[in-house]
């Protein structure tokens, strides 16, 4: 449930990586991983961010938690800027991240107790006894026994490792969790367990989630709002039910058509997307998706500044002559 208070505001965010070439490795271009993203997230809300691999979702997530310095734009947390000289100093405590692959994000040479307690040590929270008690409490919250603190990550299954990653993210009592494909590396049966855990923790701790995934069925299950990303840009955003029921952008329609239906007696027409995502180093001059599918009205988008338009309450779509 949301209370209407905006917790996170992203405005015209761009993350461009220099492309270097020549003998002196000078910048000869830029890879536009995130290119002008604007969105907001209310307290207690779950915003699902979907799109194909390579569209910039994870780069946006890392920019939000300040693992990557944006090229341009603004990120405000509780109305305070977190980029640049006047950045909010307590931002790191309030915003934490759960990574895609728990096996890679956990140090195999450290015990689980040390991993979960490390944020407490870094921020000097409490004394040694209080930190140990906090680790035990966090293990209980994510459904692991106290004895897990003395074991190593390689002794656990993939789902249990992700629970450890979630416990570490919760150590400092954050308000916002950025979940970068938290279940994509897990078995289907384990995925539901981790998702249910995240939903229970959200209700218990009043957390806000930015959930990044490419599985639209997962996103629909847990999200209040959904943003669809393509080649570094948001092409559509709206309430989950509205967006799934009435998709407006051609790319959103294609993604939703790919969601499998468990009933084999129901036939569903899939919209196949030809080709690959265009290169973010040399994007098309007009609509990127229209260029990819060879849309009849693609020429009308050339040289046109495409902007978001509200088509119904809280439902916005990138106004493009060849995709809407």
C-alpha atoms as a PDB file:
ATOM      1  CA  UNK A   1       0.000   0.000   0.000  1.00  0.00           C
ATOM      2  CA  UNK A   2       1.198   3.527  -0.762  1.00  0.00           C
ATOM      3  CA  UNK A   3       0.649   6.699   1.197  1.00  0.00           C
ATOM      4  CA  UNK A   4       1.157   9.130  -1.687  1.00  0.00           C
ATOM      5  CA  UNK A   5       4.518  10.478  -0.508  1.00  0.00           C
ATOM      6  CA  UNK A   6       7.145  10.449  -3.263  1.00  0.00           C
ATOM      7  CA  UNK A   7      10.223   8.625  -2.007  1.00  0.00           C
ATOM      8  CA  UNK A   8      12.343   8.542  -5.187  1.00  0.00           C
ATOM      9  CA  UNK A   9      12.270  10.961  -8.112  1.00  0.00           C
ATOM     10  CA  UNK A  10      14.403  10.463 -11.224  1.00  0.00           C
ATOM     11  CA  UNK A  11      14.467  13.225 -13.814  1.00  0.00           C
ATOM     12  CA  UNK A  12      16.096  13.130 -17.268  1.00  0.00           C
ATOM     13  CA  UNK A  13      18.702  10.621 -16.101  1.00  0.00           C
ATOM     14  CA  UNK A  14      21.424   9.753 -18.600  1.00  0.00           C
ATOM     15  CA  UNK A  15      24.288   7.291 -18.224  1.00  0.00           C
ATOM     16  CA  UNK A  16      26.641   7.447 -21.217  1.00  0.00           C
ATOM     17  CA  UNK A  17      29.841   5.392 -21.287  1.00  0.00           C
ATOM     18  CA  UNK A  18      32.680   6.715 -23.479  1.00  0.00           C
ATOM     19  CA  UNK A  19      33.694   4.576 -26.457  1.00  0.00           C
ATOM     20  CA  UNK A  20      37.430   4.883 -26.982  1.00  0.00           C
ATOM     21  CA  UNK A  21      39.468   4.233 -30.095  1.00  0.00           C
ATOM     22  CA  UNK A  22      42.702   5.042 -31.879  1.00  0.00           C
ATOM     23  CA  UNK A  23      46.284   4.921 -30.631  1.00  0.00           C
ATOM     24  CA  UNK A  24      45.670   7.324 -27.758  1.00  0.00           C
ATOM     25  CA  UNK A  25      42.351   5.713 -26.723  1.00  0.00           C
ATOM     26  CA  UNK A  26      40.444   8.952 -27.035  1.00  0.00           C
ATOM     27  CA  UNK A  27      36.679   9.087 -26.740  1.00  0.00           C
ATOM     28  CA  UNK A  28      35.220   8.685 -30.222  1.00  0.00           C
ATOM     29  CA  UNK A  29      31.613   8.170 -29.205  1.00  0.00           C
ATOM     30  CA  UNK A  30      29.301   7.193 -26.367  1.00  0.00           C
ATOM     31  CA  UNK A  31      27.270   4.147 -25.384  1.00  0.00           C
ATOM     32  CA  UNK A  32      23.910   5.584 -24.290  1.00  0.00           C
ATOM     33  CA  UNK A  33      22.932   2.896 -21.769  1.00  0.00           C
ATOM     34  CA  UNK A  34      20.333   5.122 -20.070  1.00  0.00           C
ATOM     35  CA  UNK A  35      19.091   8.017 -22.138  1.00  0.00           C
ATOM     36  CA  UNK A  36      16.683  10.479 -20.543  1.00  0.00           C
ATOM     37  CA  UNK A  37      14.723   8.406 -17.999  1.00  0.00           C
ATOM     38  CA  UNK A  38      12.148  10.191 -15.832  1.00  0.00           C
ATOM     39  CA  UNK A  39      10.056   8.357 -13.246  1.00  0.00           C
ATOM     40  CA  UNK A  40       8.992   8.512  -9.592  1.00  0.00           C
ATOM     41  CA  UNK A  41       8.321   5.984  -6.858  1.00  0.00           C
ATOM     42  CA  UNK A  42       5.960   6.481  -3.928  1.00  0.00           C
ATOM     43  CA  UNK A  43       6.604   5.240  -0.417  1.00  0.00           C
ATOM     44  CA  UNK A  44       5.419   1.646   0.084  1.00  0.00           C
ATOM     45  CA  UNK A  45       5.037   1.101  -3.662  1.00  0.00           C
ATOM     46  CA  UNK A  46       6.588  -1.535  -5.927  1.00  0.00           C
ATOM     47  CA  UNK A  47       7.624  -0.256  -9.346  1.00  0.00           C
ATOM     48  CA  UNK A  48       8.453  -3.001 -11.833  1.00  0.00           C
ATOM     49  CA  UNK A  49      10.951  -2.137 -14.573  1.00  0.00           C
ATOM     50  CA  UNK A  50      10.830  -4.506 -17.554  1.00  0.00           C
ATOM     51  CA  UNK A  51      12.490  -4.834 -20.925  1.00  0.00           C
ATOM     52  CA  UNK A  52      14.789  -7.060 -22.957  1.00  0.00           C
ATOM     53  CA  UNK A  53      18.355  -7.780 -21.884  1.00  0.00           C
ATOM     54  CA  UNK A  54      20.599  -4.891 -22.863  1.00  0.00           C
ATOM     55  CA  UNK A  55      17.952  -2.156 -22.639  1.00  0.00           C
ATOM     56  CA  UNK A  56      19.606  -0.413 -19.650  1.00  0.00           C
ATOM     57  CA  UNK A  57      17.625  -1.732 -16.665  1.00  0.00           C
ATOM     58  CA  UNK A  58      20.600  -2.819 -14.537  1.00  0.00           C
ATOM     59  CA  UNK A  59      22.560   0.316 -15.421  1.00  0.00           C
ATOM     60  CA  UNK A  60      19.643   2.426 -14.204  1.00  0.00           C
ATOM     61  CA  UNK A  61      19.524   0.376 -10.982  1.00  0.00           C
ATOM     62  CA  UNK A  62      23.237   0.892 -10.333  1.00  0.00           C
ATOM     63  CA  UNK A  63      22.881   4.617 -10.985  1.00  0.00           C
ATOM     64  CA  UNK A  64      20.044   4.823  -8.445  1.00  0.00           C
ATOM     65  CA  UNK A  65      22.198   3.254  -5.693  1.00  0.00           C
ATOM     66  CA  UNK A  66      25.227   5.340  -6.770  1.00  0.00           C
ATOM     67  CA  UNK A  67      27.363   2.458  -7.972  1.00  0.00           C
ATOM     68  CA  UNK A  68      27.591   4.329 -11.285  1.00  0.00           C
ATOM     69  CA  UNK A  69      27.896   8.092 -11.631  1.00  0.00           C
ATOM     70  CA  UNK A  70      25.245   9.437 -14.039  1.00  0.00           C
ATOM     71  CA  UNK A  71      26.295  11.605 -16.965  1.00  0.00           C
ATOM     72  CA  UNK A  72      23.344  13.947 -16.575  1.00  0.00           C
ATOM     73  CA  UNK A  73      20.093  14.297 -14.682  1.00  0.00           C
ATOM     74  CA  UNK A  74      18.748  14.315 -11.154  1.00  0.00           C
ATOM     75  CA  UNK A  75      17.999  11.672  -8.518  1.00  0.00           C
ATOM     76  CA  UNK A  76      16.106  12.939  -5.465  1.00  0.00           C
ATOM     77  CA  UNK A  77      15.450  10.783  -2.419  1.00  0.00           C
ATOM     78  CA  UNK A  78      12.844  12.236  -0.049  1.00  0.00           C
ATOM     79  CA  UNK A  79      13.178  15.526  -1.980  1.00  0.00           C
ATOM     80  CA  UNK A  80      16.964  15.691  -1.410  1.00  0.00           C
ATOM     81  CA  UNK A  81      19.428  15.469  -4.290  1.00  0.00           C
ATOM     82  CA  UNK A  82      21.779  12.473  -4.096  1.00  0.00           C
ATOM     83  CA  UNK A  83      24.028  13.306  -7.060  1.00  0.00           C
ATOM     84  CA  UNK A  84      26.895  15.779  -6.913  1.00  0.00           C
ATOM     85  CA  UNK A  85      28.401  18.026  -4.280  1.00  0.00           C
ATOM     86  CA  UNK A  86      25.217  18.573  -2.260  1.00  0.00           C
ATOM     87  CA  UNK A  87      24.357  14.855  -2.066  1.00  0.00           C
ATOM     88  CA  UNK A  88      22.422  13.405   0.844  1.00  0.00           C
ATOM     89  CA  UNK A  89      24.970  11.801   3.206  1.00  0.00           C
ATOM     90  CA  UNK A  90      22.666   9.134   4.724  1.00  0.00           C
ATOM     91  CA  UNK A  91      21.513   7.898   1.327  1.00  0.00           C
ATOM     92  CA  UNK A  92      23.578   4.689   1.527  1.00  0.00           C
ATOM     93  CA  UNK A  93      21.782   3.610   4.689  1.00  0.00           C
ATOM     94  CA  UNK A  94      18.355   4.284   3.238  1.00  0.00           C
ATOM     95  CA  UNK A  95      18.799   2.611  -0.158  1.00  0.00           C
ATOM     96  CA  UNK A  96      20.173  -0.916  -0.580  1.00  0.00           C
ATOM     97  CA  UNK A  97      20.412  -3.360  -3.471  1.00  0.00           C
ATOM     98  CA  UNK A  98      19.768  -7.077  -3.950  1.00  0.00           C
ATOM     99  CA  UNK A  99      21.774  -8.435  -6.879  1.00  0.00           C
ATOM    100  CA  UNK A 100      20.851 -10.912  -9.596  1.00  0.00           C
ATOM    101  CA  UNK A 101      23.307 -13.733  -8.875  1.00  0.00           C
ATOM    102  CA  UNK A 102      23.665 -14.505  -5.151  1.00  0.00           C
ATOM    103  CA  UNK A 103      26.656 -16.757  -5.798  1.00  0.00           C
ATOM    104  CA  UNK A 104      28.605 -13.835  -7.291  1.00  0.00           C
ATOM    105  CA  UNK A 105      27.445 -11.136  -4.871  1.00  0.00           C
ATOM    106  CA  UNK A 106      28.439 -13.017  -1.691  1.00  0.00           C
ATOM    107  CA  UNK A 107      32.099 -13.367  -0.685  1.00  0.00           C
ATOM    108  CA  UNK A 108      32.767 -17.123  -0.474  1.00  0.00           C
ATOM    109  CA  UNK A 109      35.640 -16.576   1.988  1.00  0.00           C
ATOM    110  CA  UNK A 110      33.439 -14.868   4.570  1.00  0.00           C
ATOM    111  CA  UNK A 111      30.931 -16.510   6.876  1.00  0.00           C
ATOM    112  CA  UNK A 112      27.274 -15.608   6.462  1.00  0.00           C
ATOM    113  CA  UNK A 113      27.319 -13.791   9.805  1.00  0.00           C
ATOM    114  CA  UNK A 114      30.248 -11.632   8.672  1.00  0.00           C
ATOM    115  CA  UNK A 115      28.568 -10.886   5.331  1.00  0.00           C
ATOM    116  CA  UNK A 116      25.295  -9.777   6.912  1.00  0.00           C
ATOM    117  CA  UNK A 117      27.069  -7.852   9.678  1.00  0.00           C
ATOM    118  CA  UNK A 118      29.477  -6.012   7.369  1.00  0.00           C
ATOM    119  CA  UNK A 119      27.124  -3.049   6.702  1.00  0.00           C
ATOM    120  CA  UNK A 120      26.723  -2.656  10.471  1.00  0.00           C
ATOM    121  CA  UNK A 121      30.512  -2.600  10.893  1.00  0.00           C
ATOM    122  CA  UNK A 122      31.034  -0.101   8.064  1.00  0.00           C
ATOM    123  CA  UNK A 123      28.453   2.312   9.459  1.00  0.00           C
ATOM    124  CA  UNK A 124      29.479   1.591  13.080  1.00  0.00           C
ATOM    125  CA  UNK A 125      25.992   0.628  14.197  1.00  0.00           C
ATOM    126  CA  UNK A 126      25.939  -0.489  17.866  1.00  0.00           C
ATOM    127  CA  UNK A 127      28.565  -2.510  19.705  1.00  0.00           C
ATOM    128  CA  UNK A 128      29.725  -6.041  18.896  1.00  0.00           C
ATOM    129  CA  UNK A 129      26.976  -7.751  20.913  1.00  0.00           C
ATOM    130  CA  UNK A 130      24.236  -5.634  19.362  1.00  0.00           C
ATOM    131  CA  UNK A 131      25.543  -6.416  15.879  1.00  0.00           C
ATOM    132  CA  UNK A 132      25.549 -10.149  16.579  1.00  0.00           C
ATOM    133  CA  UNK A 133      21.964  -9.950  17.836  1.00  0.00           C
ATOM    134  CA  UNK A 134      20.968  -7.984  14.746  1.00  0.00           C
ATOM    135  CA  UNK A 135      22.478 -10.667  12.474  1.00  0.00           C
ATOM    136  CA  UNK A 136      20.467 -13.373  14.250  1.00  0.00           C
ATOM    137  CA  UNK A 137      17.303 -11.268  13.927  1.00  0.00           C
ATOM    138  CA  UNK A 138      17.894 -10.762  10.193  1.00  0.00           C
ATOM    139  CA  UNK A 139      18.441 -14.476   9.613  1.00  0.00           C
ATOM    140  CA  UNK A 140      15.130 -15.195  11.334  1.00  0.00           C
ATOM    141  CA  UNK A 141      13.366 -12.572   9.205  1.00  0.00           C
ATOM    142  CA  UNK A 142      14.446 -14.267   5.981  1.00  0.00           C
ATOM    143  CA  UNK A 143      13.678 -17.773   7.221  1.00  0.00           C
ATOM    144  CA  UNK A 144      17.178 -19.072   8.019  1.00  0.00           C
ATOM    145  CA  UNK A 145      18.353 -20.636  11.304  1.00  0.00           C
ATOM    146  CA  UNK A 146      20.748 -18.920  13.706  1.00  0.00           C
ATOM    147  CA  UNK A 147      23.375 -21.573  12.960  1.00  0.00           C
ATOM    148  CA  UNK A 148      23.624 -20.273   9.368  1.00  0.00           C
ATOM    149  CA  UNK A 149      25.746 -17.375  10.657  1.00  0.00           C
ATOM    150  CA  UNK A 150      28.768 -19.656  11.129  1.00  0.00           C
ATOM    151  CA  UNK A 151      28.559 -21.288   7.705  1.00  0.00           C
ATOM    152  CA  UNK A 152      29.811 -20.168   4.283  1.00  0.00           C
ATOM    153  CA  UNK A 153      27.755 -19.204   1.203  1.00  0.00           C
ATOM    154  CA  UNK A 154      28.814 -22.271  -0.823  1.00  0.00           C
ATOM    155  CA  UNK A 155      27.099 -24.491   1.765  1.00  0.00           C
ATOM    156  CA  UNK A 156      23.664 -23.121   0.795  1.00  0.00           C
ATOM    157  CA  UNK A 157      21.304 -23.526  -2.151  1.00  0.00           C
ATOM    158  CA  UNK A 158      20.632 -20.698  -4.612  1.00  0.00           C
ATOM    159  CA  UNK A 159      17.394 -19.686  -2.900  1.00  0.00           C
ATOM    160  CA  UNK A 160      19.052 -19.667   0.520  1.00  0.00           C
ATOM    161  CA  UNK A 161      21.917 -17.532  -0.828  1.00  0.00           C
ATOM    162  CA  UNK A 162      19.424 -15.004  -2.133  1.00  0.00           C
ATOM    163  CA  UNK A 163      17.817 -14.912   1.326  1.00  0.00           C
ATOM    164  CA  UNK A 164      21.273 -14.098   2.716  1.00  0.00           C
ATOM    165  CA  UNK A 165      21.591 -11.284   0.168  1.00  0.00           C
ATOM    166  CA  UNK A 166      18.194  -9.940   1.226  1.00  0.00           C
ATOM    167  CA  UNK A 167      19.200 -10.120   4.913  1.00  0.00           C
ATOM    168  CA  UNK A 168      22.356  -8.134   4.158  1.00  0.00           C
ATOM    169  CA  UNK A 169      20.321  -5.505   2.310  1.00  0.00           C
ATOM    170  CA  UNK A 170      17.970  -5.158   5.302  1.00  0.00           C
ATOM    171  CA  UNK A 171      20.761  -4.778   7.882  1.00  0.00           C
ATOM    172  CA  UNK A 172      20.646  -0.961   8.011  1.00  0.00           C
ATOM    173  CA  UNK A 173      16.830  -0.690   8.002  1.00  0.00           C
ATOM    174  CA  UNK A 174      16.579   0.821   4.502  1.00  0.00           C
ATOM    175  CA  UNK A 175      13.448   2.434   3.108  1.00  0.00           C
ATOM    176  CA  UNK A 176      14.076   1.515  -0.538  1.00  0.00           C
ATOM    177  CA  UNK A 177      15.345  -1.770  -1.964  1.00  0.00           C
ATOM    178  CA  UNK A 178      16.533  -1.960  -5.571  1.00  0.00           C
ATOM    179  CA  UNK A 179      15.972  -5.558  -6.674  1.00  0.00           C
ATOM    180  CA  UNK A 180      17.997  -6.347  -9.802  1.00  0.00           C
ATOM    181  CA  UNK A 181      16.461  -9.540 -11.233  1.00  0.00           C
ATOM    182  CA  UNK A 182      16.373 -11.130  -7.749  1.00  0.00           C
ATOM    183  CA  UNK A 183      14.840 -14.450  -8.873  1.00  0.00           C
ATOM    184  CA  UNK A 184      16.041 -14.904 -12.472  1.00  0.00           C
ATOM    185  CA  UNK A 185      18.934 -17.192 -11.412  1.00  0.00           C
ATOM    186  CA  UNK A 186      16.648 -19.432  -9.306  1.00  0.00           C
ATOM    187  CA  UNK A 187      14.456 -22.457 -10.044  1.00  0.00           C
ATOM    188  CA  UNK A 188      10.767 -21.709 -10.642  1.00  0.00           C
ATOM    189  CA  UNK A 189       9.651 -23.305  -7.362  1.00  0.00           C
ATOM    190  CA  UNK A 190      12.246 -21.300  -5.424  1.00  0.00           C
ATOM    191  CA  UNK A 191      11.310 -18.091  -7.254  1.00  0.00           C
ATOM    192  CA  UNK A 192       7.843 -18.077  -5.713  1.00  0.00           C
ATOM    193  CA  UNK A 193       9.274 -18.604  -2.223  1.00  0.00           C
ATOM    194  CA  UNK A 194      11.655 -15.644  -2.572  1.00  0.00           C
ATOM    195  CA  UNK A 195       8.954 -13.417  -4.087  1.00  0.00           C
ATOM    196  CA  UNK A 196       6.547 -14.259  -1.267  1.00  0.00           C
ATOM    197  CA  UNK A 197       9.310 -13.487   1.247  1.00  0.00           C
ATOM    198  CA  UNK A 198       9.881 -10.085  -0.375  1.00  0.00           C
ATOM    199  CA  UNK A 199       6.166  -9.303  -0.283  1.00  0.00           C
ATOM    200  CA  UNK A 200       5.910 -10.339   3.389  1.00  0.00           C
ATOM    201  CA  UNK A 201       8.940  -8.200   4.283  1.00  0.00           C
ATOM    202  CA  UNK A 202       7.453  -5.235   2.431  1.00  0.00           C
ATOM    203  CA  UNK A 203       4.240  -5.461   4.442  1.00  0.00           C
ATOM    204  CA  UNK A 204       6.101  -5.982   7.724  1.00  0.00           C
ATOM    205  CA  UNK A 205       8.787  -3.316   7.308  1.00  0.00           C
ATOM    206  CA  UNK A 206       6.928  -0.802   5.083  1.00  0.00           C
ATOM    207  CA  UNK A 207       9.539  -1.137   2.337  1.00  0.00           C
ATOM    208  CA  UNK A 208       9.534   0.393  -1.134  1.00  0.00           C
ATOM    209  CA  UNK A 209      10.787  -1.681  -4.082  1.00  0.00           C
ATOM    210  CA  UNK A 210      12.256  -0.896  -7.477  1.00  0.00           C
ATOM    211  CA  UNK A 211      12.002  -4.348  -9.074  1.00  0.00           C
ATOM    212  CA  UNK A 212      13.944  -5.026 -12.269  1.00  0.00           C
ATOM    213  CA  UNK A 213      13.049  -8.127 -14.270  1.00  0.00           C
ATOM    214  CA  UNK A 214      12.481  -9.464 -17.762  1.00  0.00           C
ATOM    215  CA  UNK A 215       9.774 -11.927 -16.660  1.00  0.00           C
ATOM    216  CA  UNK A 216       6.531  -9.978 -17.050  1.00  0.00           C
ATOM    217  CA  UNK A 217       4.501 -12.603 -15.197  1.00  0.00           C
ATOM    218  CA  UNK A 218       6.688 -12.103 -12.110  1.00  0.00           C
ATOM    219  CA  UNK A 219       6.446  -8.324 -12.367  1.00  0.00           C
ATOM    220  CA  UNK A 220       2.667  -8.390 -12.693  1.00  0.00           C
ATOM    221  CA  UNK A 221       2.411 -10.568  -9.565  1.00  0.00           C
ATOM    222  CA  UNK A 222       4.233  -8.164  -7.253  1.00  0.00           C
ATOM    223  CA  UNK A 223       4.124  -4.651  -8.777  1.00  0.00           C
ATOM    224  CA  UNK A 224       1.792  -1.697  -8.236  1.00  0.00           C
ATOM    225  CA  UNK A 225       3.148   0.181 -11.266  1.00  0.00           C
ATOM    226  CA  UNK A 226       5.152  -0.996 -14.265  1.00  0.00           C
ATOM    227  CA  UNK A 227       7.591   0.877 -16.498  1.00  0.00           C
ATOM    228  CA  UNK A 228       8.626  -0.582 -19.860  1.00  0.00           C
ATOM    229  CA  UNK A 229      12.159   0.262 -21.006  1.00  0.00           C
ATOM    230  CA  UNK A 230      13.598   0.029 -24.507  1.00  0.00           C
ATOM    231  CA  UNK A 231      17.094   1.089 -25.606  1.00  0.00           C
ATOM    232  CA  UNK A 232      17.685   3.312 -22.579  1.00  0.00           C
ATOM    233  CA  UNK A 233      14.276   5.028 -22.621  1.00  0.00           C
ATOM    234  CA  UNK A 234      10.946   4.513 -20.863  1.00  0.00           C
ATOM    235  CA  UNK A 235       8.345   3.863 -23.567  1.00  0.00           C
ATOM    236  CA  UNK A 236       5.331   3.225 -21.317  1.00  0.00           C
ATOM    237  CA  UNK A 237       4.475   3.437 -17.625  1.00  0.00           C
ATOM    238  CA  UNK A 238       1.255   2.917 -15.704  1.00  0.00           C
ATOM    239  CA  UNK A 239      -0.606   0.968 -13.046  1.00  0.00           C
ATOM    240  CA  UNK A 240       0.000  -2.771 -13.388  1.00  0.00           C
ATOM    241  CA  UNK A 241      -3.565  -3.813 -14.177  1.00  0.00           C
ATOM    242  CA  UNK A 242      -4.130  -0.929 -16.592  1.00  0.00           C
ATOM    243  CA  UNK A 243      -0.887  -1.529 -18.471  1.00  0.00           C
ATOM    244  CA  UNK A 244      -1.523  -5.257 -18.848  1.00  0.00           C
ATOM    245  CA  UNK A 245      -5.155  -4.771 -19.837  1.00  0.00           C
ATOM    246  CA  UNK A 246      -4.658  -1.839 -22.220  1.00  0.00           C
ATOM    247  CA  UNK A 247      -1.051  -1.661 -23.481  1.00  0.00           C
ATOM    248  CA  UNK A 248      -0.573   1.274 -25.846  1.00  0.00           C
ATOM    249  CA  UNK A 249       2.991   0.998 -27.192  1.00  0.00           C
ATOM    250  CA  UNK A 250       3.776  -1.655 -29.804  1.00  0.00           C
ATOM    251  CA  UNK A 251       6.767  -2.892 -27.768  1.00  0.00           C
ATOM    252  CA  UNK A 252       4.643  -3.348 -24.637  1.00  0.00           C
ATOM    253  CA  UNK A 253       2.048  -5.279 -26.635  1.00  0.00           C
ATOM    254  CA  UNK A 254       4.750  -7.597 -27.965  1.00  0.00           C
ATOM    255  CA  UNK A 255       6.164  -8.265 -24.490  1.00  0.00           C
ATOM    256  CA  UNK A 256       2.746  -8.995 -22.992  1.00  0.00           C
ATOM    257  CA  UNK A 257       1.880 -11.349 -25.867  1.00  0.00           C
ATOM    258  CA  UNK A 258       4.922 -13.450 -24.894  1.00  0.00           C
ATOM    259  CA  UNK A 259       3.579 -14.223 -21.385  1.00  0.00           C
ATOM    260  CA  UNK A 260       2.672 -17.935 -21.374  1.00  0.00           C
ATOM    261  CA  UNK A 261      -0.854 -19.033 -20.421  1.00  0.00           C
ATOM    262  CA  UNK A 262      -0.946 -22.149 -18.186  1.00  0.00           C
ATOM    263  CA  UNK A 263      -4.133 -23.438 -19.826  1.00  0.00           C
ATOM    264  CA  UNK A 264      -3.126 -25.424 -22.980  1.00  0.00           C
ATOM    265  CA  UNK A 265      -6.661 -25.178 -24.399  1.00  0.00           C
ATOM    266  CA  UNK A 266      -6.378 -21.408 -24.776  1.00  0.00           C
ATOM    267  CA  UNK A 267      -4.630 -20.236 -27.913  1.00  0.00           C
ATOM    268  CA  UNK A 268      -2.821 -16.928 -27.862  1.00  0.00           C
ATOM    269  CA  UNK A 269      -1.417 -14.980 -30.785  1.00  0.00           C
ATOM    270  CA  UNK A 270       2.173 -13.953 -30.136  1.00  0.00           C
ATOM    271  CA  UNK A 271       3.655 -10.807 -31.612  1.00  0.00           C
ATOM    272  CA  UNK A 272       7.140 -11.734 -32.781  1.00  0.00           C
ATOM    273  CA  UNK A 273       9.797  -9.028 -32.643  1.00  0.00           C
ATOM    274  CA  UNK A 274      12.330  -9.388 -35.485  1.00  0.00           C
ATOM    275  CA  UNK A 275      16.027  -8.683 -35.140  1.00  0.00           C
ATOM    276  CA  UNK A 276      17.940  -7.418 -32.124  1.00  0.00           C
ATOM    277  CA  UNK A 277      17.933  -4.242 -30.049  1.00  0.00           C
ATOM    278  CA  UNK A 278      19.794  -1.516 -31.993  1.00  0.00           C
ATOM    279  CA  UNK A 279      23.227  -0.548 -30.727  1.00  0.00           C
ATOM    280  CA  UNK A 280      23.153   2.117 -27.975  1.00  0.00           C
ATOM    281  CA  UNK A 281      26.422   3.401 -29.451  1.00  0.00           C
ATOM    282  CA  UNK A 282      24.776   4.259 -32.755  1.00  0.00           C
ATOM    283  CA  UNK A 283      20.990   4.411 -32.144  1.00  0.00           C
ATOM    284  CA  UNK A 284      18.543   5.112 -34.996  1.00  0.00           C
ATOM    285  CA  UNK A 285      17.719   8.720 -35.809  1.00  0.00           C
ATOM    286  CA  UNK A 286      14.017   8.135 -35.230  1.00  0.00           C
ATOM    287  CA  UNK A 287      11.973   5.718 -33.126  1.00  0.00           C
ATOM    288  CA  UNK A 288      14.288   2.865 -32.102  1.00  0.00           C
ATOM    289  CA  UNK A 289      11.556   0.215 -32.017  1.00  0.00           C
ATOM    290  CA  UNK A 290       9.944   1.405 -35.229  1.00  0.00           C
ATOM    291  CA  UNK A 291      13.324   1.153 -36.947  1.00  0.00           C
ATOM    292  CA  UNK A 292      13.787  -2.405 -35.665  1.00  0.00           C
ATOM    293  CA  UNK A 293      10.430  -3.737 -36.869  1.00  0.00           C
ATOM    294  CA  UNK A 294      10.369  -1.709 -40.071  1.00  0.00           C
ATOM    295  CA  UNK A 295       7.233   0.255 -39.135  1.00  0.00           C
ATOM    296  CA  UNK A 296       5.425   1.859 -42.054  1.00  0.00           C
ATOM    297  CA  UNK A 297       5.381   5.280 -40.378  1.00  0.00           C
ATOM    298  CA  UNK A 298       8.984   5.182 -39.182  1.00  0.00           C
ATOM    299  CA  UNK A 299       9.947   8.106 -41.415  1.00  0.00           C
ATOM    300  CA  UNK A 300       7.474  10.315 -39.526  1.00  0.00           C
ATOM    301  CA  UNK A 301       9.538   9.871 -36.346  1.00  0.00           C
ATOM    302  CA  UNK A 302      12.807  11.055 -37.906  1.00  0.00           C
ATOM    303  CA  UNK A 303      14.077  14.224 -36.245  1.00  0.00           C
ATOM    304  CA  UNK A 304      11.025  14.351 -33.970  1.00  0.00           C
ATOM    305  CA  UNK A 305      11.443  14.752 -30.201  1.00  0.00           C
ATOM    306  CA  UNK A 306       9.405  11.931 -28.698  1.00  0.00           C
ATOM    307  CA  UNK A 307       7.793  12.795 -25.342  1.00  0.00           C
ATOM    308  CA  UNK A 308       5.581  10.978 -22.844  1.00  0.00           C
ATOM    309  CA  UNK A 309       1.826  11.604 -23.113  1.00  0.00           C
ATOM    310  CA  UNK A 310      -0.859  10.697 -20.569  1.00  0.00           C
ATOM    311  CA  UNK A 311      -3.494   8.562 -22.289  1.00  0.00           C
ATOM    312  CA  UNK A 312      -5.488   7.727 -19.146  1.00  0.00           C
ATOM    313  CA  UNK A 313      -5.115   8.351 -15.417  1.00  0.00           C
ATOM    314  CA  UNK A 314      -1.441   7.707 -14.458  1.00  0.00           C
ATOM    315  CA  UNK A 315      -0.889   5.843 -17.734  1.00  0.00           C
ATOM    316  CA  UNK A 316       1.803   7.427 -19.915  1.00  0.00           C
ATOM    317  CA  UNK A 317       3.211   6.321 -23.271  1.00  0.00           C
ATOM    318  CA  UNK A 318       6.013   7.611 -25.487  1.00  0.00           C
ATOM    319  CA  UNK A 319       4.141   9.448 -28.213  1.00  0.00           C
ATOM    320  CA  UNK A 320       5.485   7.951 -31.406  1.00  0.00           C
ATOM    321  CA  UNK A 321       3.725   8.041 -34.799  1.00  0.00           C
ATOM    322  CA  UNK A 322       4.826   4.513 -35.710  1.00  0.00           C
ATOM    323  CA  UNK A 323       4.346   2.627 -32.406  1.00  0.00           C
ATOM    324  CA  UNK A 324       1.219   4.094 -30.751  1.00  0.00           C
END
